[in-house]
Every structure is written in structure tokens, then in C-alpha cells.
Full PDB file with SEQRES, HELIX, SHEET, SSBOND, CRYST1, ORIGX, SCALE, CONECT and MASTER records, all heavy atoms in Angstrom:
SEQRES   1 A   42  GLN THR THR ILE SER GLN ALA LYS ALA ASP GLU VAL ASN          
SEQRES   2 A   42  ALA GLY LEU ALA ASP VAL ALA SER VAL SER ALA PRO ARG          
SEQRES   3 A   42  LEU GLY GLY VAL PRO HIS GLY LEU LEU ASP ASP VAL ARG          
SEQRES   4 A   42  ALA LEU PRO                                                  
HELIX    1 AA1 THR A    2  LEU A   16  1                                  15    
HELIX    2 AA2 PRO A   25  LEU A   27  5                                   3    
HELIX    3 AA3 LEU A   34  ARG A   39  1                                   6    
CRYST1    1.000    1.000    1.000  90.00  90.00  90.00 P 1           1          
ORIGX1      1.000000  0.000000  0.000000        0.00000                         
ORIGX2      0.000000  1.000000  0.000000        0.00000                         
ORIGX3      0.000000  0.000000  1.000000        0.00000                         
SCALE1      1.000000  0.000000  0.000000        0.00000                         
SCALE2      0.000000  1.000000  0.000000        0.00000                         
SCALE3      0.000000  0.000000  1.000000        0.00000                         
ATOM      1  N   GLN A   1      44.784  44.498 108.821  1.00  0.00           N  
ATOM      2  CA  GLN A   1      45.304  44.482 110.189  1.00  0.00           C  
ATOM      3  C   GLN A   1      46.357  45.558 110.395  1.00  0.00           C  
ATOM      4  O   GLN A   1      46.377  46.229 111.426  1.00  0.00           O  
ATOM      5  CB  GLN A   1      45.877  43.097 110.523  1.00  0.00           C  
ATOM      6  CG  GLN A   1      44.834  42.014 110.604  1.00  0.00           C  
ATOM      7  CD  GLN A   1      43.767  42.310 111.635  1.00  0.00           C  
ATOM      8  OE1 GLN A   1      44.050  42.717 112.745  1.00  0.00           O  
ATOM      9  NE2 GLN A   1      42.523  42.122 111.250  1.00  0.00           N  
ATOM     10  N   THR A   2      47.256  45.731 109.429  1.00  0.00           N  
ATOM     11  CA  THR A   2      48.296  46.753 109.592  1.00  0.00           C  
ATOM     12  C   THR A   2      47.689  48.158 109.545  1.00  0.00           C  
ATOM     13  O   THR A   2      48.138  49.046 110.258  1.00  0.00           O  
ATOM     14  CB  THR A   2      49.396  46.610 108.529  1.00  0.00           C  
ATOM     15  OG1 THR A   2      48.802  46.650 107.231  1.00  0.00           O  
ATOM     16  CG2 THR A   2      50.156  45.313 108.698  1.00  0.00           C  
ATOM     17  N   THR A   3      46.671  48.345 108.731  1.00  0.00           N  
ATOM     18  CA  THR A   3      46.004  49.649 108.659  1.00  0.00           C  
ATOM     19  C   THR A   3      45.311  49.962 109.981  1.00  0.00           C  
ATOM     20  O   THR A   3      45.402  51.089 110.497  1.00  0.00           O  
ATOM     21  CB  THR A   3      44.983  49.674 107.511  1.00  0.00           C  
ATOM     22  OG1 THR A   3      45.652  49.380 106.294  1.00  0.00           O  
ATOM     23  CG2 THR A   3      44.286  51.015 107.411  1.00  0.00           C  
ATOM     24  N   ILE A   4      44.643  48.996 110.557  1.00  0.00           N  
ATOM     25  CA  ILE A   4      43.967  49.185 111.844  1.00  0.00           C  
ATOM     26  C   ILE A   4      44.992  49.441 112.942  1.00  0.00           C  
ATOM     27  O   ILE A   4      44.813  50.325 113.785  1.00  0.00           O  
ATOM     28  CB  ILE A   4      43.075  47.971 112.177  1.00  0.00           C  
ATOM     29  CG1 ILE A   4      41.890  47.919 111.216  1.00  0.00           C  
ATOM     30  CG2 ILE A   4      42.604  48.017 113.626  1.00  0.00           C  
ATOM     31  CD1 ILE A   4      41.062  46.659 111.317  1.00  0.00           C  
ATOM     32  N   SER A   5      46.087  48.693 112.937  1.00  0.00           N  
ATOM     33  CA  SER A   5      47.132  48.893 113.946  1.00  0.00           C  
ATOM     34  C   SER A   5      47.721  50.293 113.856  1.00  0.00           C  
ATOM     35  O   SER A   5      47.958  50.949 114.876  1.00  0.00           O  
ATOM     36  CB  SER A   5      48.239  47.858 113.778  1.00  0.00           C  
ATOM     37  OG  SER A   5      47.757  46.580 114.046  1.00  0.00           O  
ATOM     38  N   GLN A   6      47.963  50.758 112.648  1.00  0.00           N  
ATOM     39  CA  GLN A   6      48.521  52.098 112.469  1.00  0.00           C  
ATOM     40  C   GLN A   6      47.522  53.163 112.925  1.00  0.00           C  
ATOM     41  O   GLN A   6      47.894  54.137 113.569  1.00  0.00           O  
ATOM     42  CB  GLN A   6      48.907  52.335 111.014  1.00  0.00           C  
ATOM     43  CG  GLN A   6      49.566  53.675 110.772  1.00  0.00           C  
ATOM     44  CD  GLN A   6      50.867  53.831 111.528  1.00  0.00           C  
ATOM     45  OE1 GLN A   6      51.691  52.923 111.547  1.00  0.00           O  
ATOM     46  NE2 GLN A   6      51.051  54.962 112.174  1.00  0.00           N  
ATOM     47  N   ALA A   7      46.259  52.982 112.618  1.00  0.00           N  
ATOM     48  CA  ALA A   7      45.234  53.942 113.037  1.00  0.00           C  
ATOM     49  C   ALA A   7      45.145  54.005 114.563  1.00  0.00           C  
ATOM     50  O   ALA A   7      45.018  55.095 115.137  1.00  0.00           O  
ATOM     51  CB  ALA A   7      43.890  53.567 112.435  1.00  0.00           C  
ATOM     52  N   LYS A   8      45.224  52.854 115.221  1.00  0.00           N  
ATOM     53  CA  LYS A   8      45.190  52.831 116.686  1.00  0.00           C  
ATOM     54  C   LYS A   8      46.397  53.547 117.260  1.00  0.00           C  
ATOM     55  O   LYS A   8      46.282  54.317 118.208  1.00  0.00           O  
ATOM     56  CB  LYS A   8      45.119  51.393 117.189  1.00  0.00           C  
ATOM     57  CG  LYS A   8      43.758  50.765 117.001  1.00  0.00           C  
ATOM     58  CD  LYS A   8      43.699  49.285 117.284  1.00  0.00           C  
ATOM     59  CE  LYS A   8      44.375  48.807 118.512  1.00  0.00           C  
ATOM     60  NZ  LYS A   8      44.236  47.359 118.733  1.00  0.00           N  
ATOM     61  N   ALA A   9      47.567  53.303 116.679  1.00  0.00           N  
ATOM     62  CA  ALA A   9      48.788  53.953 117.162  1.00  0.00           C  
ATOM     63  C   ALA A   9      48.707  55.466 116.983  1.00  0.00           C  
ATOM     64  O   ALA A   9      49.115  56.229 117.866  1.00  0.00           O  
ATOM     65  CB  ALA A   9      50.002  53.392 116.432  1.00  0.00           C  
ATOM     66  N   ASP A  10      48.165  55.913 115.855  1.00  0.00           N  
ATOM     67  CA  ASP A  10      48.012  57.347 115.618  1.00  0.00           C  
ATOM     68  C   ASP A  10      47.066  57.975 116.638  1.00  0.00           C  
ATOM     69  O   ASP A  10      47.317  59.079 117.122  1.00  0.00           O  
ATOM     70  CB  ASP A  10      47.495  57.604 114.200  1.00  0.00           C  
ATOM     71  CG  ASP A  10      48.526  57.262 113.135  1.00  0.00           C  
ATOM     72  OD1 ASP A  10      49.715  57.099 113.475  1.00  0.00           O  
ATOM     73  OD2 ASP A  10      48.117  57.145 111.958  1.00  0.00           O  
ATOM     74  N   GLU A  11      45.988  57.285 116.965  1.00  0.00           N  
ATOM     75  CA  GLU A  11      45.037  57.798 117.947  1.00  0.00           C  
ATOM     76  C   GLU A  11      45.673  57.900 119.330  1.00  0.00           C  
ATOM     77  O   GLU A  11      45.467  58.874 120.051  1.00  0.00           O  
ATOM     78  CB  GLU A  11      43.801  56.903 118.009  1.00  0.00           C  
ATOM     79  CG  GLU A  11      42.894  57.028 116.818  1.00  0.00           C  
ATOM     80  CD  GLU A  11      42.218  58.373 116.740  1.00  0.00           C  
ATOM     81  OE1 GLU A  11      41.791  58.897 117.780  1.00  0.00           O  
ATOM     82  OE2 GLU A  11      42.127  58.911 115.628  1.00  0.00           O  
ATOM     83  N   VAL A  12      46.439  56.900 119.705  1.00  0.00           N  
ATOM     84  CA  VAL A  12      47.107  56.920 121.010  1.00  0.00           C  
ATOM     85  C   VAL A  12      48.103  58.062 121.067  1.00  0.00           C  
ATOM     86  O   VAL A  12      48.148  58.814 122.047  1.00  0.00           O  
ATOM     87  CB  VAL A  12      47.797  55.566 121.292  1.00  0.00           C  
ATOM     88  CG1 VAL A  12      48.725  55.669 122.478  1.00  0.00           C  
ATOM     89  CG2 VAL A  12      46.765  54.490 121.524  1.00  0.00           C  
ATOM     90  N   ASN A  13      48.903  58.220 120.025  1.00  0.00           N  
ATOM     91  CA  ASN A  13      49.889  59.298 120.015  1.00  0.00           C  
ATOM     92  C   ASN A  13      49.230  60.667 120.047  1.00  0.00           C  
ATOM     93  O   ASN A  13      49.728  61.586 120.696  1.00  0.00           O  
ATOM     94  CB  ASN A  13      50.797  59.172 118.795  1.00  0.00           C  
ATOM     95  CG  ASN A  13      51.739  57.997 118.905  1.00  0.00           C  
ATOM     96  OD1 ASN A  13      52.052  57.550 119.993  1.00  0.00           O  
ATOM     97  ND2 ASN A  13      52.184  57.489 117.774  1.00  0.00           N  
ATOM     98  N   ALA A  14      48.121  60.822 119.357  1.00  0.00           N  
ATOM     99  CA  ALA A  14      47.412  62.105 119.374  1.00  0.00           C  
ATOM    100  C   ALA A  14      46.859  62.408 120.760  1.00  0.00           C  
ATOM    101  O   ALA A  14      46.851  63.549 121.200  1.00  0.00           O  
ATOM    102  CB  ALA A  14      46.288  62.093 118.351  1.00  0.00           C  
ATOM    103  N   GLY A  15      46.420  61.379 121.465  1.00  0.00           N  
ATOM    104  CA  GLY A  15      45.876  61.568 122.804  1.00  0.00           C  
ATOM    105  C   GLY A  15      46.926  61.829 123.854  1.00  0.00           C  
ATOM    106  O   GLY A  15      46.645  62.398 124.903  1.00  0.00           O  
ATOM    107  N   LEU A  16      48.155  61.440 123.591  1.00  0.00           N  
ATOM    108  CA  LEU A  16      49.222  61.612 124.568  1.00  0.00           C  
ATOM    109  C   LEU A  16      50.113  62.817 124.298  1.00  0.00           C  
ATOM    110  O   LEU A  16      51.052  63.053 125.027  1.00  0.00           O  
ATOM    111  CB  LEU A  16      50.100  60.346 124.606  1.00  0.00           C  
ATOM    112  CG  LEU A  16      49.410  59.078 125.083  1.00  0.00           C  
ATOM    113  CD1 LEU A  16      50.379  57.907 125.028  1.00  0.00           C  
ATOM    114  CD2 LEU A  16      48.891  59.247 126.498  1.00  0.00           C  
ATOM    115  N   ALA A  17      49.800  63.558 123.260  1.00  0.00           N  
ATOM    116  CA  ALA A  17      50.624  64.717 122.919  1.00  0.00           C  
ATOM    117  C   ALA A  17      50.467  65.795 123.989  1.00  0.00           C  
ATOM    118  O   ALA A  17      49.363  66.110 124.401  1.00  0.00           O  
ATOM    119  CB  ALA A  17      50.229  65.265 121.554  1.00  0.00           C  
ATOM    120  N   ASP A  18      51.584  66.348 124.416  1.00  0.00           N  
ATOM    121  CA  ASP A  18      51.518  67.397 125.422  1.00  0.00           C  
ATOM    122  C   ASP A  18      51.472  68.759 124.755  1.00  0.00           C  
ATOM    123  O   ASP A  18      51.964  68.964 123.663  1.00  0.00           O  
ATOM    124  CB  ASP A  18      52.694  67.303 126.388  1.00  0.00           C  
ATOM    125  CG  ASP A  18      54.039  67.342 125.675  1.00  0.00           C  
ATOM    126  OD1 ASP A  18      54.053  67.308 124.442  1.00  0.00           O  
ATOM    127  OD2 ASP A  18      55.059  67.402 126.361  1.00  0.00           O  
ATOM    128  N   VAL A  19      50.837  69.677 125.417  1.00  0.00           N  
ATOM    129  CA  VAL A  19      50.756  71.034 124.920  1.00  0.00           C  
ATOM    130  C   VAL A  19      51.958  71.813 125.414  1.00  0.00           C  
ATOM    131  O   VAL A  19      52.494  72.656 124.727  1.00  0.00           O  
ATOM    132  CB  VAL A  19      49.434  71.696 125.375  1.00  0.00           C  
ATOM    133  CG1 VAL A  19      49.385  73.147 124.966  1.00  0.00           C  
ATOM    134  CG2 VAL A  19      48.264  70.932 124.809  1.00  0.00           C  
ATOM    135  N   ALA A  20      52.394  71.509 126.602  1.00  0.00           N  
ATOM    136  CA  ALA A  20      53.556  72.167 127.186  1.00  0.00           C  
ATOM    137  C   ALA A  20      54.292  71.169 128.066  1.00  0.00           C  
ATOM    138  O   ALA A  20      53.697  70.251 128.614  1.00  0.00           O  
ATOM    139  CB  ALA A  20      53.123  73.361 128.017  1.00  0.00           C  
ATOM    140  N   SER A  21      55.572  71.338 128.168  1.00  0.00           N  
ATOM    141  CA  SER A  21      56.340  70.481 129.059  1.00  0.00           C  
ATOM    142  C   SER A  21      57.290  71.347 129.881  1.00  0.00           C  
ATOM    143  O   SER A  21      57.720  72.407 129.443  1.00  0.00           O  
ATOM    144  CB  SER A  21      57.116  69.414 128.286  1.00  0.00           C  
ATOM    145  OG  SER A  21      58.044  70.028 127.421  1.00  0.00           O  
ATOM    146  N   VAL A  22      57.571  70.882 131.079  1.00  0.00           N  
ATOM    147  CA  VAL A  22      58.442  71.593 131.997  1.00  0.00           C  
ATOM    148  C   VAL A  22      59.629  70.694 132.282  1.00  0.00           C  
ATOM    149  O   VAL A  22      59.469  69.514 132.595  1.00  0.00           O  
ATOM    150  CB  VAL A  22      57.708  71.910 133.324  1.00  0.00           C  
ATOM    151  CG1 VAL A  22      58.640  72.594 134.308  1.00  0.00           C  
ATOM    152  CG2 VAL A  22      56.477  72.744 133.056  1.00  0.00           C  
ATOM    153  N   SER A  23      60.821  71.251 132.164  1.00  0.00           N  
ATOM    154  CA  SER A  23      62.016  70.471 132.489  1.00  0.00           C  
ATOM    155  C   SER A  23      62.997  71.363 133.231  1.00  0.00           C  
ATOM    156  O   SER A  23      62.922  72.588 133.163  1.00  0.00           O  
ATOM    157  CB  SER A  23      62.659  69.905 131.222  1.00  0.00           C  
ATOM    158  OG  SER A  23      63.099  70.953 130.389  1.00  0.00           O  
ATOM    159  N   ALA A  24      63.881  70.747 133.963  1.00  0.00           N  
ATOM    160  CA  ALA A  24      64.896  71.475 134.722  1.00  0.00           C  
ATOM    161  C   ALA A  24      66.184  70.656 134.732  1.00  0.00           C  
ATOM    162  O   ALA A  24      66.597  70.156 135.769  1.00  0.00           O  
ATOM    163  CB  ALA A  24      64.393  71.747 136.129  1.00  0.00           C  
ATOM    164  N   PRO A  25      66.837  70.497 133.574  1.00  0.00           N  
ATOM    165  CA  PRO A  25      68.024  69.647 133.521  1.00  0.00           C  
ATOM    166  C   PRO A  25      69.172  70.136 134.404  1.00  0.00           C  
ATOM    167  O   PRO A  25      69.918  69.329 134.946  1.00  0.00           O  
ATOM    168  CB  PRO A  25      68.414  69.653 132.043  1.00  0.00           C  
ATOM    169  CG  PRO A  25      67.732  70.821 131.438  1.00  0.00           C  
ATOM    170  CD  PRO A  25      66.535  71.095 132.276  1.00  0.00           C  
ATOM    171  N   ARG A  26      69.299  71.426 134.587  1.00  0.00           N  
ATOM    172  CA  ARG A  26      70.393  71.938 135.427  1.00  0.00           C  
ATOM    173  C   ARG A  26      70.128  71.723 136.916  1.00  0.00           C  
ATOM    174  O   ARG A  26      71.039  71.803 137.720  1.00  0.00           O  
ATOM    175  CB  ARG A  26      70.635  73.411 135.143  1.00  0.00           C  
ATOM    176  CG  ARG A  26      71.199  73.632 133.755  1.00  0.00           C  
ATOM    177  CD  ARG A  26      71.604  75.050 133.566  1.00  0.00           C  
ATOM    178  NE  ARG A  26      72.177  75.211 132.247  1.00  0.00           N  
ATOM    179  CZ  ARG A  26      72.719  76.320 131.826  1.00  0.00           C  
ATOM    180  NH1 ARG A  26      72.761  77.369 132.621  1.00  0.00           N  
ATOM    181  NH2 ARG A  26      73.225  76.402 130.619  1.00  0.00           N  
ATOM    182  N   LEU A  27      68.875  71.490 137.261  1.00  0.00           N  
ATOM    183  CA  LEU A  27      68.531  71.223 138.660  1.00  0.00           C  
ATOM    184  C   LEU A  27      68.557  69.736 138.980  1.00  0.00           C  
ATOM    185  O   LEU A  27      68.296  69.340 140.099  1.00  0.00           O  
ATOM    186  CB  LEU A  27      67.142  71.780 138.986  1.00  0.00           C  
ATOM    187  CG  LEU A  27      66.976  73.291 138.905  1.00  0.00           C  
ATOM    188  CD1 LEU A  27      65.521  73.670 139.151  1.00  0.00           C  
ATOM    189  CD2 LEU A  27      67.869  73.985 139.906  1.00  0.00           C  
ATOM    190  N   GLY A  28      68.797  68.929 137.979  1.00  0.00           N  
ATOM    191  CA  GLY A  28      68.782  67.492 138.194  1.00  0.00           C  
ATOM    192  C   GLY A  28      67.391  66.900 138.071  1.00  0.00           C  
ATOM    193  O   GLY A  28      67.127  65.812 138.544  1.00  0.00           O  
ATOM    194  N   GLY A  29      66.500  67.630 137.454  1.00  0.00           N  
ATOM    195  CA  GLY A  29      65.131  67.150 137.278  1.00  0.00           C  
ATOM    196  C   GLY A  29      64.128  68.166 137.793  1.00  0.00           C  
ATOM    197  O   GLY A  29      64.484  69.221 138.309  1.00  0.00           O  
ATOM    198  N   VAL A  30      62.887  67.834 137.643  1.00  0.00           N  
ATOM    199  CA  VAL A  30      61.813  68.725 138.076  1.00  0.00           C  
ATOM    200  C   VAL A  30      61.766  68.740 139.604  1.00  0.00           C  
ATOM    201  O   VAL A  30      61.763  67.690 140.241  1.00  0.00           O  
ATOM    202  CB  VAL A  30      60.464  68.249 137.488  1.00  0.00           C  
ATOM    203  CG1 VAL A  30      59.322  69.107 137.977  1.00  0.00           C  
ATOM    204  CG2 VAL A  30      60.520  68.263 135.963  1.00  0.00           C  
ATOM    205  N   PRO A  31      61.735  69.924 140.215  1.00  0.00           N  
ATOM    206  CA  PRO A  31      61.718  70.015 141.683  1.00  0.00           C  
ATOM    207  C   PRO A  31      60.492  69.339 142.297  1.00  0.00           C  
ATOM    208  O   PRO A  31      59.411  69.334 141.713  1.00  0.00           O  
ATOM    209  CB  PRO A  31      61.686  71.521 141.946  1.00  0.00           C  
ATOM    210  CG  PRO A  31      62.208  72.151 140.702  1.00  0.00           C  
ATOM    211  CD  PRO A  31      61.801  71.249 139.588  1.00  0.00           C  
ATOM    212  N   HIS A  32      60.679  68.797 143.482  1.00  0.00           N  
ATOM    213  CA  HIS A  32      59.609  68.136 144.215  1.00  0.00           C  
ATOM    214  C   HIS A  32      58.504  69.145 144.518  1.00  0.00           C  
ATOM    215  O   HIS A  32      58.757  70.259 144.950  1.00  0.00           O  
ATOM    216  CB  HIS A  32      60.156  67.545 145.513  1.00  0.00           C  
ATOM    217  CG  HIS A  32      59.141  66.824 146.320  1.00  0.00           C  
ATOM    218  ND1 HIS A  32      58.596  65.635 145.918  1.00  0.00           N  
ATOM    219  CD2 HIS A  32      58.555  67.127 147.502  1.00  0.00           C  
ATOM    220  CE1 HIS A  32      57.725  65.234 146.812  1.00  0.00           C  
ATOM    221  NE2 HIS A  32      57.684  66.130 147.796  1.00  0.00           N  
ATOM    222  N   GLY A  33      57.281  68.771 144.275  1.00  0.00           N  
ATOM    223  CA  GLY A  33      56.145  69.640 144.550  1.00  0.00           C  
ATOM    224  C   GLY A  33      55.701  70.466 143.355  1.00  0.00           C  
ATOM    225  O   GLY A  33      54.616  71.046 143.382  1.00  0.00           O  
ATOM    226  N   LEU A  34      56.527  70.544 142.312  1.00  0.00           N  
ATOM    227  CA  LEU A  34      56.156  71.344 141.149  1.00  0.00           C  
ATOM    228  C   LEU A  34      54.941  70.763 140.430  1.00  0.00           C  
ATOM    229  O   LEU A  34      54.095  71.513 139.942  1.00  0.00           O  
ATOM    230  CB  LEU A  34      57.335  71.452 140.180  1.00  0.00           C  
ATOM    231  CG  LEU A  34      57.080  72.294 138.932  1.00  0.00           C  
ATOM    232  CD1 LEU A  34      56.803  73.739 139.315  1.00  0.00           C  
ATOM    233  CD2 LEU A  34      58.251  72.209 137.986  1.00  0.00           C  
ATOM    234  N   LEU A  35      54.846  69.447 140.385  1.00  0.00           N  
ATOM    235  CA  LEU A  35      53.715  68.813 139.710  1.00  0.00           C  
ATOM    236  C   LEU A  35      52.397  69.221 140.369  1.00  0.00           C  
ATOM    237  O   LEU A  35      51.425  69.555 139.690  1.00  0.00           O  
ATOM    238  CB  LEU A  35      53.866  67.292 139.720  1.00  0.00           C  
ATOM    239  CG  LEU A  35      52.843  66.500 138.937  1.00  0.00           C  
ATOM    240  CD1 LEU A  35      52.836  66.904 137.477  1.00  0.00           C  
ATOM    241  CD2 LEU A  35      53.115  65.018 139.067  1.00  0.00           C  
ATOM    242  N   ASP A  36      52.346  69.245 141.686  1.00  0.00           N  
ATOM    243  CA  ASP A  36      51.132  69.685 142.385  1.00  0.00           C  
ATOM    244  C   ASP A  36      50.830  71.153 142.110  1.00  0.00           C  
ATOM    245  O   ASP A  36      49.670  71.533 141.950  1.00  0.00           O  
ATOM    246  CB  ASP A  36      51.265  69.452 143.892  1.00  0.00           C  
ATOM    247  CG  ASP A  36      51.305  67.982 144.249  1.00  0.00           C  
ATOM    248  OD1 ASP A  36      50.675  67.184 143.514  1.00  0.00           O  
ATOM    249  OD2 ASP A  36      51.954  67.632 145.243  1.00  0.00           O  
ATOM    250  N   ASP A  37      51.884  71.976 142.023  1.00  0.00           N  
ATOM    251  CA  ASP A  37      51.690  73.393 141.720  1.00  0.00           C  
ATOM    252  C   ASP A  37      51.117  73.586 140.314  1.00  0.00           C  
ATOM    253  O   ASP A  37      50.236  74.415 140.102  1.00  0.00           O  
ATOM    254  CB  ASP A  37      53.005  74.160 141.847  1.00  0.00           C  
ATOM    255  CG  ASP A  37      53.519  74.213 143.273  1.00  0.00           C  
ATOM    256  OD1 ASP A  37      52.728  73.959 144.208  1.00  0.00           O  
ATOM    257  OD2 ASP A  37      54.719  74.502 143.440  1.00  0.00           O  
ATOM    258  N   VAL A  38      51.608  72.806 139.369  1.00  0.00           N  
ATOM    259  CA  VAL A  38      51.116  72.900 137.991  1.00  0.00           C  
ATOM    260  C   VAL A  38      49.670  72.441 137.922  1.00  0.00           C  
ATOM    261  O   VAL A  38      48.845  73.063 137.255  1.00  0.00           O  
ATOM    262  CB  VAL A  38      52.006  72.080 137.037  1.00  0.00           C  
ATOM    263  CG1 VAL A  38      51.390  71.970 135.658  1.00  0.00           C  
ATOM    264  CG2 VAL A  38      53.395  72.692 136.945  1.00  0.00           C  
ATOM    265  N   ARG A  39      49.342  71.360 138.608  1.00  0.00           N  
ATOM    266  CA  ARG A  39      47.958  70.872 138.625  1.00  0.00           C  
ATOM    267  C   ARG A  39      46.993  71.895 139.198  1.00  0.00           C  
ATOM    268  O   ARG A  39      45.821  71.938 138.825  1.00  0.00           O  
ATOM    269  CB  ARG A  39      47.867  69.578 139.439  1.00  0.00           C  
ATOM    270  CG  ARG A  39      48.417  68.381 138.715  1.00  0.00           C  
ATOM    271  CD  ARG A  39      48.268  67.139 139.565  1.00  0.00           C  
ATOM    272  NE  ARG A  39      48.745  65.967 138.866  1.00  0.00           N  
ATOM    273  CZ  ARG A  39      49.403  64.971 139.424  1.00  0.00           C  
ATOM    274  NH1 ARG A  39      49.647  64.999 140.729  1.00  0.00           N  
ATOM    275  NH2 ARG A  39      49.807  63.950 138.710  1.00  0.00           N  
ATOM    276  N   ALA A  40      47.459  72.736 140.114  1.00  0.00           N  
ATOM    277  CA  ALA A  40      46.601  73.721 140.763  1.00  0.00           C  
ATOM    278  C   ALA A  40      46.370  74.963 139.903  1.00  0.00           C  
ATOM    279  O   ALA A  40      45.492  75.768 140.212  1.00  0.00           O  
ATOM    280  CB  ALA A  40      47.215  74.131 142.098  1.00  0.00           C  
ATOM    281  N   LEU A  41      47.115  75.119 138.832  1.00  0.00           N  
ATOM    282  CA  LEU A  41      46.953  76.293 137.970  1.00  0.00           C  
ATOM    283  C   LEU A  41      45.607  76.266 137.258  1.00  0.00           C  
ATOM    284  O   LEU A  41      45.138  75.200 136.838  1.00  0.00           O  
ATOM    285  CB  LEU A  41      48.077  76.351 136.933  1.00  0.00           C  
ATOM    286  CG  LEU A  41      49.477  76.609 137.463  1.00  0.00           C  
ATOM    287  CD1 LEU A  41      50.492  76.444 136.354  1.00  0.00           C  
ATOM    288  CD2 LEU A  41      49.551  78.002 138.064  1.00  0.00           C  
ATOM    289  N   PRO A  42      44.976  77.424 137.093  1.00  0.00           N  
ATOM    290  CA  PRO A  42      43.705  77.462 136.374  1.00  0.00           C  
ATOM    291  C   PRO A  42      43.910  77.086 134.905  1.00  0.00           C  
ATOM    292  O   PRO A  42      44.885  77.493 134.285  1.00  0.00           O  
ATOM    293  CB  PRO A  42      43.244  78.916 136.509  1.00  0.00           C  
ATOM    294  CG  PRO A  42      44.395  79.679 137.039  1.00  0.00           C  
ATOM    295  CD  PRO A  42      45.379  78.724 137.600  1.00  0.00           C  
TER     296      PRO A  42                                                      
MASTER        0    0    0    3    0    0    0    6  295    1    0    4          
END                                                                             
């Protein structure tokens, strides 16, 4: 059971890993509308 649980957790973490992340801490967070702009990128 613990082996299966660990394997499931590893699969979930691998699927949720980001390739790139965008942050703007000095702006108080990511600007409104940036998410739509990123989604529109080829």
C-alpha cells in the first residue's frame, strides 16, 4: 500500500510540474489579463 501510494504521488507531481513560471512580486502579483496573454502564445 505504501509503495502504491508513493508511486501515485510521484505520478501526480510529475504531471503538475511546470516548465516555466511567471511572477511579479514587486507588482503585488501577476497583472490582470496576463494569464490570457500567456494562453494565447504559440
